[in-house]
N, C-alpha and C. Protein backbone atom coordinates (compact mmCIF):
# COMPACT_ATOMS: atom_id res chain seq x y z
N MET A 1 80.57 60.05 119.92
CA MET A 1 81.79 60.72 120.61
C MET A 1 82.89 60.58 119.48
N SER A 2 83.62 62.23 119.46
CA SER A 2 84.24 61.99 118.37
C SER A 2 85.25 61.79 118.20
N GLU A 3 85.49 60.82 117.22
CA GLU A 3 86.34 59.75 117.20
C GLU A 3 88.03 60.25 116.64
N SER A 4 87.83 62.14 116.09
CA SER A 4 89.17 62.62 116.02
C SER A 4 89.74 63.48 117.25
N PHE A 5 88.89 63.32 118.93
CA PHE A 5 88.87 64.02 119.67
C PHE A 5 90.45 64.69 119.74
N ARG A 6 90.52 65.55 120.22
CA ARG A 6 91.85 66.18 120.34
C ARG A 6 91.84 67.38 121.37
N LEU A 7 92.60 67.49 122.37
CA LEU A 7 92.52 69.57 123.24
C LEU A 7 93.65 69.46 122.95
N THR A 8 94.57 70.87 122.85
CA THR A 8 96.13 71.52 123.17
C THR A 8 95.56 72.32 123.61
N MET A 9 96.25 72.79 124.36
CA MET A 9 96.84 73.57 125.99
C MET A 9 97.47 75.10 125.00
N VAL A 10 98.27 76.15 124.89
CA VAL A 10 99.46 76.53 123.98
C VAL A 10 99.83 77.74 124.86
N GLY A 11 100.38 78.45 125.75
CA GLY A 11 101.30 79.43 125.90
C GLY A 11 100.56 79.66 127.32
N ILE A 12 99.90 78.61 128.14
CA ILE A 12 99.57 79.28 129.11
C ILE A 12 99.71 80.25 130.21
N HIS A 13 99.21 80.87 130.95
CA HIS A 13 99.73 81.76 131.53
C HIS A 13 99.05 81.94 132.77
N LYS A 14 99.48 82.03 133.84
CA LYS A 14 98.82 82.25 135.37
C LYS A 14 99.19 82.59 136.31
N HIS A 15 99.15 83.63 136.70
CA HIS A 15 99.72 84.34 138.09
C HIS A 15 98.21 84.74 138.97
N PHE A 16 98.54 84.38 140.58
CA PHE A 16 97.88 84.79 141.95
C PHE A 16 98.62 85.86 142.24
N GLY A 17 98.58 87.69 142.31
CA GLY A 17 99.28 88.11 143.06
C GLY A 17 100.31 88.39 142.83
N PRO A 18 101.94 87.85 143.20
CA PRO A 18 102.62 87.97 142.54
C PRO A 18 103.35 86.53 142.76
N THR A 19 102.75 85.71 142.99
CA THR A 19 102.97 84.25 141.94
C THR A 19 102.49 83.71 141.01
N HIS A 20 103.30 83.10 139.79
CA HIS A 20 103.37 82.31 139.59
C HIS A 20 103.01 81.39 138.89
N ALA A 21 101.85 80.62 138.97
CA ALA A 21 101.77 79.29 138.64
C ALA A 21 101.53 78.89 137.74
N LEU A 22 101.95 79.66 136.23
CA LEU A 22 101.95 78.72 134.94
C LEU A 22 102.52 80.02 134.39
N ARG A 23 103.45 79.15 133.79
CA ARG A 23 104.15 80.34 132.67
C ARG A 23 104.46 79.36 131.38
N GLY A 24 103.53 80.09 129.86
CA GLY A 24 103.75 79.11 129.28
C GLY A 24 103.93 78.16 128.65
N VAL A 25 102.17 76.89 129.08
CA VAL A 25 102.93 75.54 129.49
C VAL A 25 101.71 75.59 128.61
N ASP A 26 102.17 74.35 127.49
CA ASP A 26 101.88 73.90 126.33
C ASP A 26 101.74 72.49 126.64
N LEU A 27 100.55 72.18 125.99
CA LEU A 27 99.83 70.77 126.24
C LEU A 27 98.98 69.93 125.72
N GLU A 28 99.25 69.04 125.18
CA GLU A 28 98.43 68.16 123.92
C GLU A 28 97.55 66.75 124.78
N LEU A 29 96.72 66.43 124.50
CA LEU A 29 96.07 65.46 124.95
C LEU A 29 95.45 64.78 123.86
N ALA A 30 95.56 62.81 123.66
CA ALA A 30 94.59 62.44 122.85
C ALA A 30 93.84 61.47 123.18
N ARG A 31 92.79 61.37 122.21
CA ARG A 31 91.64 60.22 122.17
C ARG A 31 91.91 59.28 123.09
N GLY A 32 91.53 58.46 123.70
CA GLY A 32 91.48 56.96 124.72
C GLY A 32 92.78 56.92 125.28
N LYS A 33 93.43 58.21 125.76
CA LYS A 33 94.69 57.91 126.69
C LYS A 33 94.46 58.32 127.88
N VAL A 34 95.35 57.65 128.68
CA VAL A 34 95.30 58.45 129.80
C VAL A 34 97.50 59.01 130.63
N HIS A 35 96.83 60.45 131.07
CA HIS A 35 97.81 61.54 130.78
C HIS A 35 98.19 62.02 132.20
N ALA A 36 99.82 61.69 132.42
CA ALA A 36 99.46 62.56 133.86
C ALA A 36 100.59 62.87 134.07
N LEU A 37 99.88 63.78 135.21
CA LEU A 37 101.17 65.24 134.80
C LEU A 37 101.21 65.34 136.72
N VAL A 38 103.47 64.66 136.46
CA VAL A 38 104.65 64.78 137.85
C VAL A 38 104.78 65.91 137.97
N GLY A 39 104.73 66.86 139.41
CA GLY A 39 105.72 67.15 140.00
C GLY A 39 105.80 68.05 141.15
N GLU A 40 106.37 68.50 141.18
CA GLU A 40 106.15 68.72 143.11
C GLU A 40 104.64 69.72 143.51
N ASN A 41 104.55 69.71 144.72
CA ASN A 41 103.53 70.99 144.57
C ASN A 41 103.90 72.02 144.69
N GLY A 42 103.13 72.37 144.96
CA GLY A 42 102.93 74.23 143.76
C GLY A 42 103.95 74.67 142.26
N ALA A 43 103.66 73.37 142.30
CA ALA A 43 104.62 72.86 140.67
C ALA A 43 103.64 73.41 139.56
N GLY A 44 102.03 73.59 139.96
CA GLY A 44 100.93 74.65 139.14
C GLY A 44 100.05 73.22 138.20
N LYS A 45 100.31 71.84 138.96
CA LYS A 45 99.45 70.59 138.36
C LYS A 45 97.47 71.34 138.35
N SER A 46 97.62 71.23 138.89
CA SER A 46 96.03 71.40 139.85
C SER A 46 95.86 72.73 138.95
N THR A 47 96.38 73.98 138.62
CA THR A 47 96.24 75.69 138.47
C THR A 47 95.42 74.52 136.79
N LEU A 48 96.71 74.60 135.97
CA LEU A 48 96.97 73.86 134.56
C LEU A 48 94.76 72.85 134.53
N MET A 49 95.11 72.43 135.96
CA MET A 49 93.64 71.25 135.03
C MET A 49 92.26 71.90 135.60
N LYS A 50 93.16 72.92 136.51
CA LYS A 50 91.54 74.13 136.56
C LYS A 50 90.72 74.81 135.79
N VAL A 51 92.61 75.11 135.27
CA VAL A 51 92.07 75.73 133.43
C VAL A 51 91.14 75.34 132.22
N LEU A 52 91.73 74.12 132.18
CA LEU A 52 91.21 72.82 131.66
C LEU A 52 90.22 73.16 131.85
N SER A 53 89.06 73.31 133.26
CA SER A 53 87.35 72.39 133.52
C SER A 53 87.10 74.08 133.08
N GLY A 54 87.98 74.83 133.33
CA GLY A 54 86.84 76.45 133.64
C GLY A 54 86.86 76.63 134.55
N ALA A 55 87.04 76.28 135.78
CA ALA A 55 87.58 76.65 137.32
C ALA A 55 88.11 78.19 137.28
N VAL A 56 88.85 78.03 136.45
CA VAL A 56 89.76 79.02 136.82
C VAL A 56 90.18 79.25 135.17
N HIS A 57 90.35 81.39 135.41
CA HIS A 57 90.40 81.26 133.92
C HIS A 57 91.67 82.08 133.59
N PRO A 58 92.57 81.36 132.28
CA PRO A 58 93.93 82.19 132.14
C PRO A 58 93.89 83.58 132.13
N ASP A 59 95.60 83.65 132.67
CA ASP A 59 96.01 85.16 132.31
C ASP A 59 96.54 85.23 130.43
N ALA A 60 96.98 84.48 129.99
CA ALA A 60 97.19 84.11 128.48
C ALA A 60 97.89 82.86 128.10
N GLY A 61 97.49 82.31 126.28
CA GLY A 61 97.53 81.73 125.93
C GLY A 61 96.58 81.31 125.88
N HIS A 62 96.37 79.84 124.82
CA HIS A 62 94.92 79.97 124.42
C HIS A 62 94.55 78.49 124.02
N MET A 63 93.30 78.03 124.74
CA MET A 63 93.26 76.19 124.26
C MET A 63 92.59 75.50 122.55
N MET A 64 92.24 75.14 122.44
CA MET A 64 91.82 74.27 120.99
C MET A 64 91.40 72.30 121.40
N LEU A 65 90.33 72.94 120.71
CA LEU A 65 89.26 71.17 121.31
C LEU A 65 88.45 70.76 120.16
N ASP A 66 88.99 69.56 119.67
CA ASP A 66 88.64 69.41 118.29
C ASP A 66 89.10 70.49 116.83
N GLY A 67 89.87 71.36 117.25
CA GLY A 67 90.07 72.23 115.55
C GLY A 67 89.50 73.33 116.06
N GLU A 68 88.37 73.43 117.27
CA GLU A 68 87.07 74.59 118.10
C GLU A 68 87.99 75.18 118.61
N PRO A 69 88.39 76.96 119.43
CA PRO A 69 88.28 77.45 120.12
C PRO A 69 87.53 76.24 121.24
N TYR A 70 88.18 77.02 122.70
CA TYR A 70 88.20 76.50 123.53
C TYR A 70 87.86 77.10 124.55
N ALA A 71 87.61 77.90 125.02
CA ALA A 71 88.06 79.03 126.66
C ALA A 71 86.32 78.73 127.33
N PRO A 72 86.08 78.24 128.20
CA PRO A 72 84.94 77.50 128.97
C PRO A 72 85.44 78.59 130.32
N THR A 73 84.03 79.62 130.54
CA THR A 73 84.36 80.67 131.68
C THR A 73 83.95 79.69 132.52
N ASN A 74 83.25 78.43 133.13
CA ASN A 74 82.93 78.32 133.87
C ASN A 74 82.93 77.04 133.98
N PRO A 75 83.60 75.53 134.84
CA PRO A 75 82.95 74.41 134.50
C PRO A 75 81.82 73.92 134.18
N LYS A 76 80.50 74.53 134.03
CA LYS A 76 79.24 74.06 133.22
C LYS A 76 79.75 74.10 131.72
N GLN A 77 80.29 75.24 131.44
CA GLN A 77 80.54 75.39 130.00
C GLN A 77 81.65 74.04 129.44
N ALA A 78 82.04 74.12 130.22
CA ALA A 78 83.07 72.88 130.43
C ALA A 78 82.62 71.27 129.97
N ARG A 79 81.99 70.88 131.37
CA ARG A 79 80.96 69.90 132.03
C ARG A 79 80.23 69.36 129.46
N GLN A 80 79.70 70.78 129.48
CA GLN A 80 79.01 71.20 127.95
C GLN A 80 79.86 70.39 126.74
N ARG A 81 81.05 70.50 126.82
CA ARG A 81 81.94 69.95 126.09
C ARG A 81 81.98 68.90 125.70
N GLY A 82 82.05 67.99 126.76
CA GLY A 82 82.78 66.87 127.55
C GLY A 82 83.66 66.80 128.42
N VAL A 83 84.20 67.57 129.32
CA VAL A 83 84.89 67.64 129.45
C VAL A 83 85.49 68.59 131.45
N ALA A 84 85.36 67.16 132.11
CA ALA A 84 84.84 67.18 133.74
C ALA A 84 86.22 67.02 134.64
N MET A 85 86.43 67.52 135.79
CA MET A 85 86.91 66.74 136.35
C MET A 85 86.26 66.22 137.93
N ILE A 86 87.38 65.69 138.05
CA ILE A 86 86.72 64.87 139.76
C ILE A 86 88.19 65.84 140.72
N TYR A 87 87.74 66.37 141.70
CA TYR A 87 88.72 67.09 143.02
C TYR A 87 88.61 66.39 143.57
N GLN A 88 89.76 66.79 144.17
CA GLN A 88 90.35 65.81 145.37
C GLN A 88 89.67 65.43 146.54
N GLU A 89 88.99 66.31 146.86
CA GLU A 89 87.77 67.21 147.85
C GLU A 89 86.95 66.40 146.94
N LEU A 90 86.36 65.99 147.36
CA LEU A 90 85.09 65.48 145.94
C LEU A 90 83.38 66.32 146.75
N THR A 91 82.27 66.56 145.62
CA THR A 91 81.77 67.65 145.57
C THR A 91 80.53 66.64 145.86
N LEU A 92 80.15 65.83 146.60
CA LEU A 92 78.84 65.05 146.65
C LEU A 92 77.75 65.45 148.87
N ALA A 93 76.91 66.03 147.84
CA ALA A 93 76.11 66.22 149.28
C ALA A 93 75.76 64.73 149.92
N PRO A 94 76.30 65.08 151.38
CA PRO A 94 76.10 63.22 152.15
C PRO A 94 75.21 62.85 152.13
N HIS A 95 74.18 63.43 152.29
CA HIS A 95 72.74 63.35 152.92
C HIS A 95 71.82 63.03 152.16
N LEU A 96 72.93 63.15 150.87
CA LEU A 96 71.13 62.34 149.68
C LEU A 96 71.37 61.05 149.16
N SER A 97 70.80 60.75 148.39
CA SER A 97 71.21 59.08 148.43
C SER A 97 71.72 59.15 146.56
N VAL A 98 73.02 57.57 145.86
CA VAL A 98 73.35 57.91 144.92
C VAL A 98 72.74 58.51 143.78
N GLU A 99 71.36 57.60 144.04
CA GLU A 99 70.67 58.23 142.34
C GLU A 99 70.66 59.74 142.54
N ALA A 100 70.37 60.35 144.25
CA ALA A 100 70.73 62.04 143.47
C ALA A 100 71.97 62.68 142.91
N ASN A 101 72.53 62.04 143.93
CA ASN A 101 73.33 62.57 143.33
C ASN A 101 73.78 61.88 142.29
N VAL A 102 74.38 61.55 141.54
CA VAL A 102 74.60 61.38 140.22
C VAL A 102 73.28 62.30 139.13
N LEU A 103 72.76 62.45 139.63
CA LEU A 103 71.74 63.18 138.83
C LEU A 103 71.78 64.76 139.28
N LEU A 104 72.22 64.65 140.05
CA LEU A 104 71.83 66.34 140.74
C LEU A 104 72.12 67.26 139.47
N GLY A 105 71.59 67.50 138.81
CA GLY A 105 70.87 69.31 138.64
C GLY A 105 70.70 68.27 137.25
N LEU A 106 71.16 67.14 136.68
CA LEU A 106 70.74 66.66 135.25
C LEU A 106 69.38 65.82 135.37
N GLU A 107 68.86 66.13 136.05
CA GLU A 107 66.93 65.34 135.94
C GLU A 107 66.77 65.35 134.88
N PRO A 108 66.10 64.45 134.24
CA PRO A 108 65.55 64.61 133.34
C PRO A 108 64.29 64.54 133.75
N THR A 109 63.59 65.80 132.71
CA THR A 109 61.86 65.83 133.18
C THR A 109 60.92 66.09 131.97
N TRP A 110 59.82 66.20 131.98
CA TRP A 110 58.43 66.64 130.89
C TRP A 110 58.17 67.56 131.08
N PHE A 111 57.63 68.88 130.30
CA PHE A 111 57.03 69.61 131.22
C PHE A 111 56.92 69.79 132.61
N GLY A 112 58.38 69.79 133.18
CA GLY A 112 58.14 69.96 133.92
C GLY A 112 57.87 69.50 135.26
N PHE A 113 57.89 68.14 134.40
CA PHE A 113 58.14 67.23 135.83
C PHE A 113 58.25 65.63 135.57
N LEU A 114 59.45 65.92 136.97
CA LEU A 114 60.57 65.13 137.20
C LEU A 114 59.95 63.31 136.00
N ARG A 115 61.38 63.02 135.50
CA ARG A 115 60.66 61.36 134.83
C ARG A 115 62.01 60.10 136.03
N ARG A 116 61.51 60.08 137.25
CA ARG A 116 61.85 59.20 137.90
C ARG A 116 63.02 58.60 136.98
N ALA A 117 61.84 57.41 136.51
CA ALA A 117 62.26 56.18 136.46
C ALA A 117 63.40 55.99 135.25
N GLU A 118 62.94 56.94 134.19
CA GLU A 118 64.68 57.31 133.33
C GLU A 118 65.42 58.22 134.16
N GLY A 119 65.37 58.10 134.80
CA GLY A 119 66.97 58.60 135.91
C GLY A 119 67.35 57.93 136.75
N ARG A 120 66.30 56.94 136.75
CA ARG A 120 66.71 56.01 137.71
C ARG A 120 67.46 54.76 136.75
N CYS A 121 66.70 54.28 135.30
CA CYS A 121 68.10 53.71 134.73
C CYS A 121 68.59 54.56 134.14
N ARG A 122 68.88 56.31 133.83
CA ARG A 122 70.42 56.48 133.50
C ARG A 122 71.93 55.77 134.50
N VAL A 123 71.25 55.96 135.78
CA VAL A 123 71.87 56.06 136.54
C VAL A 123 72.54 54.37 137.13
N ARG A 124 71.39 53.81 136.50
CA ARG A 124 71.41 52.00 136.35
C ARG A 124 72.61 51.84 135.01
N GLU A 125 72.77 51.60 134.44
CA GLU A 125 73.27 52.40 132.81
C GLU A 125 74.60 52.99 132.96
N ALA A 126 75.04 53.57 133.97
CA ALA A 126 76.06 54.54 134.12
C ALA A 126 76.93 53.67 135.11
N LEU A 127 76.75 52.82 136.16
CA LEU A 127 76.72 52.16 137.15
C LEU A 127 76.92 51.10 136.62
N ALA A 128 76.45 50.51 135.99
CA ALA A 128 76.61 49.35 135.04
C ALA A 128 78.36 48.78 134.20
N VAL A 129 78.50 50.54 132.92
CA VAL A 129 79.11 50.82 132.20
C VAL A 129 80.99 51.04 133.63
N LEU A 130 80.59 51.63 134.55
CA LEU A 130 81.55 51.10 135.59
C LEU A 130 81.94 49.92 135.82
N GLU A 131 80.73 49.17 135.62
CA GLU A 131 81.14 47.27 136.38
C GLU A 131 80.51 48.02 137.76
N HIS A 132 80.09 48.47 137.74
CA HIS A 132 79.79 48.44 139.72
C HIS A 132 77.36 48.80 140.00
N PRO A 133 76.92 47.36 139.04
CA PRO A 133 75.58 47.75 139.33
C PRO A 133 75.58 47.06 140.33
N GLU A 134 75.91 46.51 141.68
CA GLU A 134 75.37 46.39 143.15
C GLU A 134 75.43 47.57 144.13
N VAL A 135 75.91 48.45 143.74
CA VAL A 135 75.94 50.23 144.53
C VAL A 135 74.25 49.45 144.71
N PRO A 136 74.23 50.70 146.00
CA PRO A 136 72.57 50.30 145.60
C PRO A 136 72.26 52.07 145.45
N LEU A 137 71.21 51.93 145.00
CA LEU A 137 70.50 53.86 145.02
C LEU A 137 70.07 54.38 145.34
N ASP A 138 69.25 54.34 146.83
CA ASP A 138 68.88 55.26 147.49
C ASP A 138 69.64 55.21 148.59
N ARG A 139 71.05 54.67 149.02
CA ARG A 139 72.09 54.89 150.12
C ARG A 139 72.04 55.61 150.69
N PRO A 140 72.18 56.54 151.27
CA PRO A 140 73.35 58.26 150.95
C PRO A 140 74.37 57.90 151.04
N VAL A 141 75.43 59.07 150.33
CA VAL A 141 76.65 58.82 149.56
C VAL A 141 77.37 59.26 150.96
N GLY A 142 76.70 59.56 152.30
CA GLY A 142 78.19 60.06 153.39
C GLY A 142 77.94 58.64 153.76
N GLU A 143 77.64 57.25 153.44
CA GLU A 143 77.67 55.87 154.49
C GLU A 143 78.70 55.26 153.85
N LEU A 144 79.11 55.75 151.97
CA LEU A 144 80.03 55.39 151.37
C LEU A 144 81.02 55.43 151.72
N GLY A 145 81.97 54.38 151.34
CA GLY A 145 84.08 54.49 151.08
C GLY A 145 83.80 55.71 150.43
N PRO A 146 85.72 56.00 150.63
CA PRO A 146 85.83 57.13 149.24
C PRO A 146 85.53 56.36 148.26
N GLY A 147 85.94 54.95 148.05
CA GLY A 147 86.16 54.74 146.61
C GLY A 147 84.80 55.13 146.11
N MET A 148 83.91 54.19 146.92
CA MET A 148 82.35 54.50 146.48
C MET A 148 82.13 55.76 145.77
N GLN A 149 82.44 56.93 146.60
CA GLN A 149 81.76 57.96 146.52
C GLN A 149 82.79 57.97 145.59
N GLN A 150 83.99 58.26 144.92
CA GLN A 150 84.55 58.47 143.97
C GLN A 150 84.46 58.37 142.42
N LEU A 151 83.62 56.86 142.71
CA LEU A 151 82.37 56.25 141.98
C LEU A 151 80.67 57.15 141.36
N VAL A 152 81.20 57.49 142.44
CA VAL A 152 79.34 58.15 142.23
C VAL A 152 79.95 59.07 141.37
N GLU A 153 81.08 60.46 142.10
CA GLU A 153 81.20 61.08 140.81
C GLU A 153 81.64 61.00 139.86
N ILE A 154 82.11 59.54 139.41
CA ILE A 154 82.69 59.28 137.82
C ILE A 154 81.02 58.90 137.23
N ALA A 155 80.60 58.01 138.05
CA ALA A 155 78.73 57.80 137.15
C ALA A 155 78.46 59.61 136.47
N ARG A 156 78.19 60.74 137.22
CA ARG A 156 77.71 61.72 137.04
C ARG A 156 78.35 62.20 136.04
N ALA A 157 79.93 61.52 135.29
CA ALA A 157 80.92 62.82 134.73
C ALA A 157 79.99 61.71 133.25
N LEU A 158 79.68 60.09 133.44
CA LEU A 158 79.65 60.09 132.39
C LEU A 158 78.17 59.99 131.85
N LEU A 159 77.35 60.58 132.84
CA LEU A 159 76.16 61.12 132.12
C LEU A 159 76.53 62.45 131.48
N LEU A 160 77.01 62.88 131.48
CA LEU A 160 77.49 63.89 131.03
C LEU A 160 77.76 63.84 129.58
N ASP A 161 78.29 62.81 129.55
CA ASP A 161 79.16 62.31 128.51
C ASP A 161 80.45 62.85 127.59
N VAL A 162 81.25 62.59 128.72
CA VAL A 162 81.74 62.76 129.13
C VAL A 162 83.25 62.74 128.55
N ARG A 163 83.51 63.41 127.26
CA ARG A 163 84.81 62.65 126.02
C ARG A 163 86.69 63.32 127.34
N LEU A 164 86.79 63.99 128.18
CA LEU A 164 88.03 64.02 128.49
C LEU A 164 87.99 64.35 130.71
N LEU A 165 87.89 63.39 131.30
CA LEU A 165 88.00 63.62 132.36
C LEU A 165 89.16 63.48 133.26
N VAL A 166 89.07 64.60 134.58
CA VAL A 166 90.67 64.85 134.67
C VAL A 166 89.84 65.12 136.53
N PHE A 167 91.46 64.02 137.09
CA PHE A 167 91.88 63.58 138.53
C PHE A 167 92.97 64.31 139.22
N ASP A 168 91.26 64.97 139.95
CA ASP A 168 93.13 65.99 140.73
C ASP A 168 93.25 64.46 142.27
N GLU A 169 94.85 64.29 141.75
CA GLU A 169 94.71 63.21 143.35
C GLU A 169 94.49 62.47 143.50
N PRO A 170 93.95 61.55 142.30
CA PRO A 170 92.77 60.72 142.69
C PRO A 170 92.68 59.77 144.05
N THR A 171 94.27 59.05 144.00
CA THR A 171 94.45 57.87 145.22
C THR A 171 94.80 58.86 146.58
N SER A 172 94.70 59.89 146.22
CA SER A 172 95.65 60.38 147.77
C SER A 172 94.58 60.06 149.34
N SER A 173 93.67 59.59 149.11
CA SER A 173 92.89 58.92 149.78
C SER A 173 91.71 57.82 149.67
N LEU A 174 92.25 56.74 149.25
CA LEU A 174 91.84 55.37 148.62
C LEU A 174 93.19 54.48 149.62
N ALA A 175 92.85 53.39 149.64
CA ALA A 175 92.93 52.33 150.07
C ALA A 175 93.90 51.56 149.02
N ARG A 176 94.30 50.35 149.21
CA ARG A 176 95.83 50.35 147.96
C ARG A 176 94.22 49.39 146.81
N ALA A 177 93.34 49.27 147.53
CA ALA A 177 92.30 48.00 146.71
C ALA A 177 91.72 49.33 145.76
N ASP A 178 90.75 49.89 146.87
CA ASP A 178 90.52 51.04 145.65
C ASP A 178 91.73 52.02 144.68
N ALA A 179 92.69 51.85 144.87
CA ALA A 179 93.05 52.86 144.10
C ALA A 179 93.91 51.26 143.14
N LEU A 180 93.23 50.01 143.03
CA LEU A 180 94.01 49.43 142.55
C LEU A 180 91.76 49.34 141.23
N ARG A 181 91.40 49.23 142.17
CA ARG A 181 90.16 49.74 141.21
C ARG A 181 89.68 50.44 140.20
N LEU A 182 90.30 51.77 140.95
CA LEU A 182 90.41 52.95 140.07
C LEU A 182 91.01 52.74 138.97
N PHE A 183 91.96 52.32 138.85
CA PHE A 183 93.04 51.88 138.23
C PHE A 183 93.28 51.14 136.73
N ALA A 184 92.13 50.12 136.67
CA ALA A 184 91.02 49.44 136.32
C ALA A 184 89.82 50.16 135.84
N LEU A 185 89.20 51.11 136.63
CA LEU A 185 88.41 51.87 135.34
C LEU A 185 88.64 53.03 134.65
N ILE A 186 89.55 53.04 135.07
CA ILE A 186 89.86 54.14 134.24
C ILE A 186 90.39 53.09 132.61
N ARG A 187 91.51 52.12 132.62
CA ARG A 187 91.68 51.25 131.87
C ARG A 187 90.57 51.38 130.95
N ARG A 188 89.55 50.96 132.25
CA ARG A 188 87.83 50.69 131.01
C ARG A 188 87.22 51.87 130.55
N LEU A 189 87.38 52.94 130.50
CA LEU A 189 86.95 54.14 130.21
C LEU A 189 87.55 54.32 129.18
N CYS A 190 89.21 54.77 129.17
CA CYS A 190 89.36 54.79 128.00
C CYS A 190 89.57 53.85 126.44
N ASP A 191 89.47 52.64 127.23
CA ASP A 191 88.87 51.35 125.79
C ASP A 191 86.99 52.71 125.83
N ARG A 192 86.93 53.20 125.69
CA ARG A 192 85.59 53.57 125.42
C ARG A 192 86.00 54.49 125.01
N GLY A 193 87.31 55.23 124.78
CA GLY A 193 87.27 56.48 124.53
C GLY A 193 87.83 57.42 124.61
N VAL A 194 87.61 57.84 125.75
CA VAL A 194 87.62 58.75 126.81
C VAL A 194 89.03 58.96 127.18
N THR A 195 89.37 60.86 127.61
CA THR A 195 90.72 60.81 127.74
C THR A 195 90.98 60.98 129.23
N VAL A 196 92.14 60.55 129.49
CA VAL A 196 91.89 60.11 131.18
C VAL A 196 93.20 61.73 131.67
N VAL A 197 93.00 62.31 132.53
CA VAL A 197 94.33 62.99 132.84
C VAL A 197 94.28 62.94 134.91
């Protein structure tokens, strides 16, 4: 992980038809820090984060990551640069196991064959980093509560060697106890050098 991680957004504009969602927004994010975007509904917070994560393309402005131009055309490109977003509506397959959801699209292979033991080990390592080694890997995600489902999404981001993790209204569907656990987890991620929005 880069010690000099820095992401800047300069002059970001985005409109949807006649509606201007973003007008010349500047934002700078530093390594290992928590940044919070606060504002009214419709202020453009989610749109700005979707631009950051490659899900929405800006109409104007530019971004830099570690001094290099950063302009992902989709979320996959953003993840390849270490930027991942966890949406308010989680993107899990409820009928698949915890292990399958964490590894989905990231399964280790060798000459076209799945390396199941290696994949399971990687999932266990990610859950250990999150201090939740007790999560049953074979359990369908749909049987887990909202807090644990969010944990599965975060574990997936860790497999991508995430450097910047964006949460879209992460506590909106969580009970107070789960929200407090999430805040503790965010502190641990920051201690590892992950930047959080």
